């Protein structure tokens, strides 16, 4: 976790410092594409304050280096010995990661019972986790049990004609 609002700056500084010591771990800061009521697009953090790191082996020297970067708060799940993401958390991470760092709009359809059906995009596969649909703003709120906590995430969608 890093200071909210400083994620991009932290990610860039961390990537530069890690690369300078020969550690080419990949860092990700996920954002979601959103639309205002006026229809203009903007990006918003998917998980504010979270930077994800993919690495083969996390060296203690890398841990110490990351802790010294301005805006660093702590590693999940503890700061002494960071743990790999596993189980359902890894499945969620992998689902978001396959779409890249910027999650675009999902394509959805509504069936005759007004149920939402995800056709394509980053929401595909979250049918059972949708907790609210705002058709007027074309947003879907999903609930994710991630990192021993329940996270609610708003994502935009575009409606398509029947399946």
N, C-alpha and C. Protein backbone atom coordinates (compact mmCIF):
# COMPACT_ATOMS: atom_id res chain seq x y z
N UNK A 1 0.84 -1.18 0.00
CA UNK A 1 0.00 0.00 0.00
C UNK A 1 0.88 1.23 0.00
N UNK A 2 0.42 2.22 -0.76
CA UNK A 2 1.12 3.49 -0.85
C UNK A 2 0.11 4.62 -0.63
N UNK A 3 0.61 5.82 -0.49
CA UNK A 3 -0.26 6.97 -0.26
C UNK A 3 -1.20 7.14 -1.45
N UNK A 4 -2.50 7.24 -1.16
CA UNK A 4 -3.50 7.43 -2.21
C UNK A 4 -3.24 8.74 -2.94
N UNK A 5 -3.28 8.68 -4.25
CA UNK A 5 -3.00 9.85 -5.08
C UNK A 5 -1.56 9.90 -5.55
N UNK A 6 -0.70 9.10 -4.95
CA UNK A 6 0.72 9.08 -5.31
C UNK A 6 1.11 7.77 -5.99
N UNK A 7 0.14 6.99 -6.40
CA UNK A 7 0.42 5.65 -6.93
C UNK A 7 1.32 5.68 -8.17
N UNK A 8 1.00 6.54 -9.14
CA UNK A 8 1.80 6.60 -10.37
C UNK A 8 3.23 7.03 -10.07
N UNK A 9 3.37 8.04 -9.23
CA UNK A 9 4.70 8.53 -8.86
C UNK A 9 5.50 7.45 -8.14
N UNK A 10 4.84 6.75 -7.20
CA UNK A 10 5.52 5.67 -6.48
C UNK A 10 5.93 4.56 -7.45
N UNK A 11 5.02 4.16 -8.32
CA UNK A 11 5.29 3.08 -9.27
C UNK A 11 6.49 3.42 -10.15
N UNK A 12 6.53 4.64 -10.67
CA UNK A 12 7.66 5.05 -11.52
C UNK A 12 8.97 5.06 -10.74
N UNK A 13 8.96 5.61 -9.53
CA UNK A 13 10.17 5.65 -8.70
C UNK A 13 10.63 4.24 -8.34
N UNK A 14 9.68 3.37 -8.00
CA UNK A 14 10.03 2.00 -7.62
C UNK A 14 10.61 1.23 -8.81
N UNK A 15 10.00 1.38 -9.97
CA UNK A 15 10.50 0.69 -11.17
C UNK A 15 11.92 1.14 -11.49
N UNK A 16 12.17 2.44 -11.38
CA UNK A 16 13.50 2.98 -11.66
C UNK A 16 14.54 2.46 -10.67
N UNK A 17 14.20 2.49 -9.38
CA UNK A 17 15.15 2.03 -8.36
C UNK A 17 15.40 0.52 -8.45
N UNK A 18 14.35 -0.25 -8.69
CA UNK A 18 14.51 -1.70 -8.81
C UNK A 18 15.37 -2.05 -10.03
N UNK A 19 15.11 -1.37 -11.16
CA UNK A 19 15.88 -1.63 -12.38
C UNK A 19 17.34 -1.27 -12.20
N UNK A 20 17.63 -0.21 -11.44
CA UNK A 20 19.02 0.22 -11.23
C UNK A 20 19.82 -0.82 -10.45
N UNK A 21 19.12 -1.68 -9.69
CA UNK A 21 19.83 -2.74 -8.97
C UNK A 21 19.67 -4.10 -9.66
N UNK A 22 19.13 -4.09 -10.89
CA UNK A 22 19.01 -5.33 -11.66
C UNK A 22 17.78 -6.15 -11.37
N UNK A 23 16.83 -5.58 -10.66
CA UNK A 23 15.57 -6.27 -10.36
C UNK A 23 14.52 -5.75 -11.33
N UNK A 24 14.08 -6.60 -12.25
CA UNK A 24 13.13 -6.16 -13.28
C UNK A 24 11.73 -6.69 -12.99
N UNK A 25 11.34 -6.64 -11.73
CA UNK A 25 9.98 -6.99 -11.35
C UNK A 25 9.01 -6.05 -12.03
N UNK A 26 7.82 -6.53 -12.31
CA UNK A 26 6.80 -5.71 -12.96
C UNK A 26 5.87 -5.13 -11.89
N UNK A 27 5.57 -3.86 -12.04
CA UNK A 27 4.68 -3.16 -11.11
C UNK A 27 3.42 -2.74 -11.86
N UNK A 28 2.28 -2.87 -11.19
CA UNK A 28 1.00 -2.54 -11.80
C UNK A 28 0.18 -1.65 -10.88
N UNK A 29 -0.43 -0.64 -11.47
CA UNK A 29 -1.39 0.22 -10.78
C UNK A 29 -2.63 0.24 -11.66
N UNK A 30 -3.66 -0.46 -11.24
CA UNK A 30 -4.86 -0.62 -12.06
C UNK A 30 -5.77 0.60 -11.98
N UNK A 31 -6.23 1.01 -13.16
CA UNK A 31 -7.17 2.12 -13.27
C UNK A 31 -8.37 1.64 -14.06
N UNK A 32 -9.46 2.32 -13.88
CA UNK A 32 -10.68 1.98 -14.61
C UNK A 32 -11.13 3.18 -15.41
N UNK A 33 -11.64 2.91 -16.60
CA UNK A 33 -12.19 3.97 -17.43
C UNK A 33 -13.59 4.26 -16.95
N UNK A 34 -13.87 5.51 -16.71
CA UNK A 34 -15.18 5.93 -16.24
C UNK A 34 -15.71 7.00 -17.19
N UNK A 35 -17.02 7.23 -17.12
CA UNK A 35 -17.65 8.28 -17.92
C UNK A 35 -18.45 9.17 -17.00
N UNK A 36 -18.35 10.47 -17.24
CA UNK A 36 -19.16 11.42 -16.47
C UNK A 36 -20.57 11.42 -17.05
N UNK A 37 -21.48 12.07 -16.36
CA UNK A 37 -22.86 12.17 -16.87
C UNK A 37 -22.90 12.90 -18.21
N UNK A 38 -21.94 13.80 -18.42
CA UNK A 38 -21.88 14.53 -19.68
C UNK A 38 -21.30 13.67 -20.81
N UNK A 39 -20.76 12.48 -20.45
CA UNK A 39 -20.24 11.58 -21.46
C UNK A 39 -18.74 11.63 -21.67
N UNK A 40 -18.03 12.49 -20.95
CA UNK A 40 -16.57 12.54 -21.12
C UNK A 40 -15.92 11.42 -20.31
N UNK A 41 -14.84 10.87 -20.86
CA UNK A 41 -14.13 9.76 -20.22
C UNK A 41 -13.03 10.28 -19.31
N UNK A 42 -12.79 9.54 -18.23
CA UNK A 42 -11.67 9.84 -17.34
C UNK A 42 -11.23 8.54 -16.68
N UNK A 43 -10.03 8.54 -16.12
CA UNK A 43 -9.49 7.37 -15.44
C UNK A 43 -9.54 7.59 -13.94
N UNK A 44 -9.81 6.50 -13.23
CA UNK A 44 -9.91 6.53 -11.78
C UNK A 44 -9.23 5.26 -11.25
N UNK A 45 -8.56 5.32 -10.10
CA UNK A 45 -7.94 4.10 -9.56
C UNK A 45 -8.97 3.00 -9.31
N UNK A 46 -8.61 1.78 -9.66
CA UNK A 46 -9.48 0.64 -9.36
C UNK A 46 -9.39 0.31 -7.87
N UNK A 47 -8.16 0.23 -7.37
CA UNK A 47 -7.91 0.00 -5.95
C UNK A 47 -6.99 1.12 -5.46
N UNK A 48 -7.55 2.24 -5.00
CA UNK A 48 -6.71 3.36 -4.57
C UNK A 48 -5.71 2.92 -3.49
N UNK A 49 -4.46 3.31 -3.70
CA UNK A 49 -3.42 3.01 -2.72
C UNK A 49 -2.74 1.67 -2.90
N UNK A 50 -3.16 0.87 -3.87
CA UNK A 50 -2.56 -0.46 -4.07
C UNK A 50 -1.68 -0.49 -5.32
N UNK A 51 -0.45 -0.93 -5.15
CA UNK A 51 0.46 -1.21 -6.26
C UNK A 51 0.73 -2.71 -6.20
N UNK A 52 0.64 -3.39 -7.32
CA UNK A 52 0.89 -4.83 -7.38
C UNK A 52 2.25 -5.07 -8.01
N UNK A 53 2.97 -6.04 -7.46
CA UNK A 53 4.32 -6.35 -7.93
C UNK A 53 4.40 -7.81 -8.33
N UNK A 54 4.83 -8.06 -9.56
CA UNK A 54 5.07 -9.42 -10.04
C UNK A 54 6.57 -9.64 -10.04
N UNK A 55 6.99 -10.68 -9.34
CA UNK A 55 8.41 -10.96 -9.26
C UNK A 55 8.61 -12.46 -9.07
N UNK A 56 9.72 -12.96 -9.58
CA UNK A 56 10.04 -14.37 -9.37
C UNK A 56 10.45 -14.62 -7.92
N UNK A 57 11.29 -13.72 -7.41
CA UNK A 57 11.78 -13.86 -6.04
C UNK A 57 11.94 -12.46 -5.46
N UNK A 58 11.32 -12.23 -4.32
CA UNK A 58 11.41 -10.92 -3.68
C UNK A 58 12.62 -10.92 -2.74
N UNK A 59 13.60 -10.14 -3.10
CA UNK A 59 14.84 -10.03 -2.33
C UNK A 59 14.65 -9.04 -1.17
N UNK A 60 15.33 -9.30 -0.07
CA UNK A 60 15.25 -8.38 1.07
C UNK A 60 15.79 -7.00 0.70
N UNK A 61 16.79 -6.95 -0.17
CA UNK A 61 17.31 -5.64 -0.59
C UNK A 61 16.24 -4.86 -1.36
N UNK A 62 15.40 -5.55 -2.13
CA UNK A 62 14.31 -4.89 -2.85
C UNK A 62 13.24 -4.41 -1.87
N UNK A 63 12.96 -5.22 -0.86
CA UNK A 63 11.98 -4.83 0.16
C UNK A 63 12.44 -3.55 0.85
N UNK A 64 13.70 -3.51 1.27
CA UNK A 64 14.23 -2.33 1.94
C UNK A 64 14.22 -1.11 1.02
N UNK A 65 14.55 -1.32 -0.25
CA UNK A 65 14.55 -0.23 -1.22
C UNK A 65 13.14 0.36 -1.38
N UNK A 66 12.14 -0.50 -1.50
CA UNK A 66 10.76 -0.04 -1.67
C UNK A 66 10.26 0.70 -0.43
N UNK A 67 10.65 0.24 0.75
CA UNK A 67 10.22 0.89 1.99
C UNK A 67 10.72 2.33 2.10
N UNK A 68 11.83 2.63 1.42
CA UNK A 68 12.43 3.97 1.52
C UNK A 68 11.85 4.97 0.54
N UNK A 69 11.02 4.52 -0.39
CA UNK A 69 10.44 5.42 -1.38
C UNK A 69 9.31 6.22 -0.74
N UNK A 70 9.31 7.51 -1.00
CA UNK A 70 8.30 8.41 -0.44
C UNK A 70 6.89 7.94 -0.82
N UNK A 71 6.02 7.84 0.16
CA UNK A 71 4.63 7.42 -0.06
C UNK A 71 4.37 5.97 0.29
N UNK A 72 5.41 5.19 0.58
CA UNK A 72 5.24 3.78 0.94
C UNK A 72 4.59 3.68 2.32
N UNK A 73 3.58 2.79 2.44
CA UNK A 73 2.96 2.54 3.74
C UNK A 73 3.33 1.17 4.28
N UNK A 74 2.93 0.11 3.58
CA UNK A 74 3.26 -1.22 4.05
C UNK A 74 2.98 -2.26 2.97
N UNK A 75 3.57 -3.44 3.16
CA UNK A 75 3.29 -4.58 2.31
C UNK A 75 2.08 -5.32 2.86
N UNK A 76 1.39 -6.02 1.99
CA UNK A 76 0.34 -6.92 2.43
C UNK A 76 0.97 -8.29 2.62
N UNK A 77 0.72 -8.99 3.53
CA UNK A 77 -0.16 -8.87 4.64
C UNK A 77 0.58 -8.42 5.89
N UNK A 78 1.88 -8.45 5.85
CA UNK A 78 2.65 -7.84 6.93
C UNK A 78 3.92 -7.26 6.35
N UNK A 79 4.49 -6.31 7.05
CA UNK A 79 5.61 -5.54 6.53
C UNK A 79 6.95 -6.23 6.70
N UNK A 80 7.00 -7.25 7.53
CA UNK A 80 8.27 -7.93 7.78
C UNK A 80 8.56 -8.96 6.70
N UNK A 81 7.56 -9.77 6.37
CA UNK A 81 7.75 -10.78 5.33
C UNK A 81 6.53 -10.78 4.40
N UNK A 82 6.60 -9.97 3.33
CA UNK A 82 5.47 -9.89 2.39
C UNK A 82 5.12 -11.27 1.85
N UNK A 83 3.83 -11.49 1.64
CA UNK A 83 3.35 -12.78 1.15
C UNK A 83 2.87 -12.66 -0.29
N UNK A 84 2.95 -13.76 -1.01
CA UNK A 84 2.41 -13.80 -2.37
C UNK A 84 0.89 -13.81 -2.32
N UNK A 85 0.28 -13.24 -3.32
CA UNK A 85 -1.17 -13.30 -3.46
C UNK A 85 -1.50 -14.73 -3.90
N UNK A 86 -2.48 -15.33 -3.25
CA UNK A 86 -2.83 -16.71 -3.54
C UNK A 86 -4.34 -16.88 -3.60
N UNK A 87 -4.77 -18.03 -4.06
CA UNK A 87 -6.18 -18.41 -4.04
C UNK A 87 -7.05 -17.47 -4.83
N UNK A 88 -8.20 -17.11 -4.24
CA UNK A 88 -9.17 -16.25 -4.93
C UNK A 88 -8.60 -14.87 -5.22
N UNK A 89 -7.74 -14.34 -4.32
CA UNK A 89 -7.10 -13.05 -4.57
C UNK A 89 -6.29 -13.09 -5.86
N UNK A 90 -5.57 -14.19 -6.08
CA UNK A 90 -4.77 -14.34 -7.29
C UNK A 90 -5.66 -14.44 -8.53
N UNK A 91 -6.80 -15.10 -8.40
CA UNK A 91 -7.74 -15.20 -9.52
C UNK A 91 -8.26 -13.81 -9.91
N UNK A 92 -8.63 -13.00 -8.93
CA UNK A 92 -9.08 -11.64 -9.22
C UNK A 92 -7.96 -10.83 -9.87
N UNK A 93 -6.78 -10.89 -9.27
CA UNK A 93 -5.65 -10.15 -9.82
C UNK A 93 -5.41 -10.57 -11.27
N UNK A 94 -5.40 -11.86 -11.53
CA UNK A 94 -5.16 -12.37 -12.89
C UNK A 94 -6.23 -11.89 -13.86
N UNK A 95 -7.49 -11.86 -13.41
CA UNK A 95 -8.58 -11.40 -14.27
C UNK A 95 -8.39 -9.93 -14.64
N UNK A 96 -8.01 -9.11 -13.67
CA UNK A 96 -7.78 -7.70 -13.97
C UNK A 96 -6.51 -7.52 -14.79
N UNK A 97 -5.47 -8.26 -14.48
CA UNK A 97 -4.17 -8.13 -15.15
C UNK A 97 -4.26 -8.45 -16.63
N UNK A 98 -5.08 -9.44 -17.00
CA UNK A 98 -5.14 -9.85 -18.41
C UNK A 98 -5.71 -8.74 -19.28
N UNK A 99 -6.42 -7.78 -18.69
CA UNK A 99 -6.97 -6.66 -19.44
C UNK A 99 -6.02 -5.47 -19.50
N UNK A 100 -4.85 -5.58 -18.89
CA UNK A 100 -3.92 -4.46 -18.85
C UNK A 100 -4.17 -3.59 -17.64
N UNK A 101 -3.39 -2.55 -17.50
CA UNK A 101 -3.52 -1.68 -16.32
C UNK A 101 -4.76 -0.80 -16.37
N UNK A 102 -5.28 -0.56 -17.55
CA UNK A 102 -6.47 0.28 -17.66
C UNK A 102 -7.63 -0.61 -18.09
N UNK A 103 -8.60 -0.74 -17.19
CA UNK A 103 -9.77 -1.56 -17.47
C UNK A 103 -10.78 -0.72 -18.22
N UNK A 104 -11.06 -1.13 -19.42
CA UNK A 104 -12.02 -0.40 -20.25
C UNK A 104 -13.45 -0.74 -19.87
N UNK A 105 -14.35 -0.37 -20.73
CA UNK A 105 -15.76 -0.62 -20.50
C UNK A 105 -16.09 -2.07 -20.80
N UNK A 106 -17.00 -2.63 -20.03
CA UNK A 106 -17.53 -3.95 -20.31
C UNK A 106 -18.76 -3.79 -21.19
N UNK A 107 -19.06 -4.80 -21.96
CA UNK A 107 -20.27 -4.79 -22.77
C UNK A 107 -21.28 -5.69 -22.09
N UNK A 108 -22.48 -5.17 -21.90
CA UNK A 108 -23.52 -5.92 -21.20
C UNK A 108 -24.82 -5.90 -21.99
N UNK A 109 -25.66 -6.84 -21.66
CA UNK A 109 -27.01 -6.90 -22.20
C UNK A 109 -27.95 -7.18 -21.04
N UNK A 110 -29.18 -6.71 -21.15
CA UNK A 110 -30.18 -7.01 -20.14
C UNK A 110 -31.18 -7.98 -20.75
N UNK A 111 -31.44 -9.08 -20.03
CA UNK A 111 -32.39 -10.05 -20.57
C UNK A 111 -33.83 -9.64 -20.23
N UNK A 112 -34.78 -10.48 -20.61
CA UNK A 112 -36.19 -10.15 -20.42
C UNK A 112 -36.58 -10.01 -18.96
N UNK A 113 -35.80 -10.56 -18.04
CA UNK A 113 -36.07 -10.44 -16.60
C UNK A 113 -35.29 -9.28 -15.98
N UNK A 114 -34.71 -8.43 -16.83
CA UNK A 114 -33.92 -7.28 -16.39
C UNK A 114 -32.66 -7.68 -15.63
N UNK A 115 -32.21 -8.92 -15.83
CA UNK A 115 -30.93 -9.33 -15.26
C UNK A 115 -29.83 -8.86 -16.19
N UNK A 116 -28.69 -8.49 -15.62
CA UNK A 116 -27.57 -8.06 -16.43
C UNK A 116 -26.76 -9.29 -16.85
N UNK A 117 -26.34 -9.30 -18.10
CA UNK A 117 -25.52 -10.38 -18.63
C UNK A 117 -24.25 -9.73 -19.18
N UNK A 118 -23.10 -10.14 -18.65
CA UNK A 118 -21.83 -9.57 -19.11
C UNK A 118 -21.42 -10.30 -20.38
N UNK A 119 -21.24 -9.53 -21.46
CA UNK A 119 -20.91 -10.11 -22.76
C UNK A 119 -19.41 -10.13 -22.99
N UNK A 120 -18.72 -9.04 -22.59
CA UNK A 120 -17.29 -8.93 -22.85
C UNK A 120 -16.69 -7.84 -21.96
N UNK A 121 -15.39 -7.90 -21.75
CA UNK A 121 -14.69 -6.85 -21.01
C UNK A 121 -14.27 -7.29 -19.62
N UNK A 122 -13.76 -6.34 -18.81
CA UNK A 122 -13.21 -6.68 -17.50
C UNK A 122 -14.22 -7.22 -16.51
N UNK A 123 -15.51 -7.01 -16.72
CA UNK A 123 -16.52 -7.55 -15.80
C UNK A 123 -16.90 -8.99 -16.12
N UNK A 124 -16.50 -9.49 -17.28
CA UNK A 124 -16.88 -10.85 -17.65
C UNK A 124 -16.38 -11.82 -16.58
N UNK A 125 -17.29 -12.65 -16.11
CA UNK A 125 -16.94 -13.60 -15.06
C UNK A 125 -17.36 -13.14 -13.67
N UNK A 126 -17.89 -11.94 -13.54
CA UNK A 126 -18.30 -11.43 -12.25
C UNK A 126 -19.82 -11.43 -12.09
N UNK A 127 -20.52 -12.23 -12.85
CA UNK A 127 -21.97 -12.22 -12.82
C UNK A 127 -22.52 -12.43 -11.41
N UNK A 128 -21.97 -13.32 -10.64
CA UNK A 128 -22.47 -13.60 -9.31
C UNK A 128 -22.04 -12.59 -8.27
N UNK A 129 -21.19 -11.65 -8.61
CA UNK A 129 -20.65 -10.71 -7.64
C UNK A 129 -21.18 -9.29 -7.85
N UNK A 130 -22.09 -9.11 -8.78
CA UNK A 130 -22.63 -7.78 -9.04
C UNK A 130 -23.63 -7.44 -7.93
N UNK A 131 -23.46 -6.27 -7.28
CA UNK A 131 -24.36 -5.92 -6.19
C UNK A 131 -25.29 -4.76 -6.52
N UNK A 132 -24.94 -3.96 -7.56
CA UNK A 132 -25.81 -2.85 -7.93
C UNK A 132 -25.57 -2.49 -9.39
N UNK A 133 -26.65 -2.18 -10.08
CA UNK A 133 -26.59 -1.72 -11.46
C UNK A 133 -27.27 -0.37 -11.53
N UNK A 134 -26.57 0.63 -12.04
CA UNK A 134 -27.13 1.96 -12.25
C UNK A 134 -27.24 2.15 -13.76
N UNK A 135 -28.42 1.86 -14.31
CA UNK A 135 -28.61 1.92 -15.76
C UNK A 135 -28.51 3.35 -16.28
N UNK A 136 -28.95 4.32 -15.50
CA UNK A 136 -28.91 5.71 -15.95
C UNK A 136 -27.47 6.18 -16.17
N UNK A 137 -26.58 5.85 -15.24
CA UNK A 137 -25.17 6.25 -15.36
C UNK A 137 -24.33 5.18 -16.04
N UNK A 138 -24.93 4.04 -16.36
CA UNK A 138 -24.25 2.88 -16.94
C UNK A 138 -23.02 2.48 -16.11
N UNK A 139 -23.29 2.22 -14.82
CA UNK A 139 -22.26 1.75 -13.90
C UNK A 139 -22.75 0.51 -13.18
N UNK A 140 -21.80 -0.36 -12.88
CA UNK A 140 -22.07 -1.58 -12.14
C UNK A 140 -21.16 -1.59 -10.92
N UNK A 141 -21.72 -1.90 -9.76
CA UNK A 141 -20.92 -2.05 -8.55
C UNK A 141 -20.76 -3.53 -8.30
N UNK A 142 -19.51 -3.96 -8.18
CA UNK A 142 -19.22 -5.35 -7.88
C UNK A 142 -18.59 -5.42 -6.50
N UNK A 143 -18.77 -6.55 -5.85
CA UNK A 143 -18.18 -6.78 -4.54
C UNK A 143 -17.12 -7.86 -4.68
N UNK A 144 -15.95 -7.57 -4.17
CA UNK A 144 -14.83 -8.51 -4.26
C UNK A 144 -14.29 -8.75 -2.86
N UNK A 145 -14.20 -10.01 -2.43
CA UNK A 145 -13.51 -10.35 -1.19
C UNK A 145 -12.04 -10.49 -1.54
N UNK A 146 -11.27 -9.46 -1.21
CA UNK A 146 -9.87 -9.43 -1.61
C UNK A 146 -9.03 -8.94 -0.46
N UNK A 147 -7.92 -9.60 -0.21
CA UNK A 147 -6.97 -9.23 0.84
C UNK A 147 -7.65 -9.20 2.20
N UNK A 148 -8.44 -10.22 2.49
CA UNK A 148 -9.13 -10.38 3.77
C UNK A 148 -10.07 -9.22 4.07
N UNK A 149 -10.61 -8.61 3.03
CA UNK A 149 -11.52 -7.49 3.19
C UNK A 149 -12.49 -7.50 2.01
N UNK A 150 -13.62 -6.89 2.19
CA UNK A 150 -14.59 -6.79 1.10
C UNK A 150 -14.43 -5.44 0.43
N UNK A 151 -14.18 -5.45 -0.86
CA UNK A 151 -13.99 -4.23 -1.63
C UNK A 151 -15.18 -4.06 -2.57
N UNK A 152 -15.71 -2.85 -2.64
CA UNK A 152 -16.74 -2.52 -3.62
C UNK A 152 -16.08 -1.68 -4.70
N UNK A 153 -16.33 -2.05 -5.95
CA UNK A 153 -15.71 -1.38 -7.07
C UNK A 153 -16.79 -0.99 -8.07
N UNK A 154 -16.82 0.28 -8.46
CA UNK A 154 -17.72 0.75 -9.51
C UNK A 154 -16.99 0.70 -10.84
N UNK A 155 -17.64 0.13 -11.84
CA UNK A 155 -17.09 0.06 -13.19
C UNK A 155 -18.15 0.51 -14.17
N UNK A 156 -17.70 1.05 -15.30
CA UNK A 156 -18.62 1.49 -16.35
C UNK A 156 -18.86 0.37 -17.34
N UNK A 157 -20.01 0.44 -17.98
CA UNK A 157 -20.33 -0.52 -19.03
C UNK A 157 -21.02 0.21 -20.16
N UNK A 158 -21.06 -0.45 -21.31
CA UNK A 158 -21.86 0.04 -22.42
C UNK A 158 -22.87 -1.03 -22.75
N UNK A 159 -24.08 -0.61 -23.00
CA UNK A 159 -25.16 -1.57 -23.24
C UNK A 159 -25.16 -1.94 -24.73
N UNK A 160 -25.36 -3.21 -25.00
CA UNK A 160 -25.41 -3.69 -26.37
C UNK A 160 -26.78 -4.30 -26.63
N UNK A 161 -27.11 -4.46 -27.89
CA UNK A 161 -28.37 -5.09 -28.26
C UNK A 161 -28.33 -6.54 -27.83
N UNK A 162 -29.48 -7.21 -27.81
CA UNK A 162 -29.62 -8.59 -27.33
C UNK A 162 -28.50 -9.52 -27.74
N UNK A 163 -28.39 -10.60 -27.01
CA UNK A 163 -27.29 -11.56 -27.21
C UNK A 163 -27.61 -12.44 -28.40
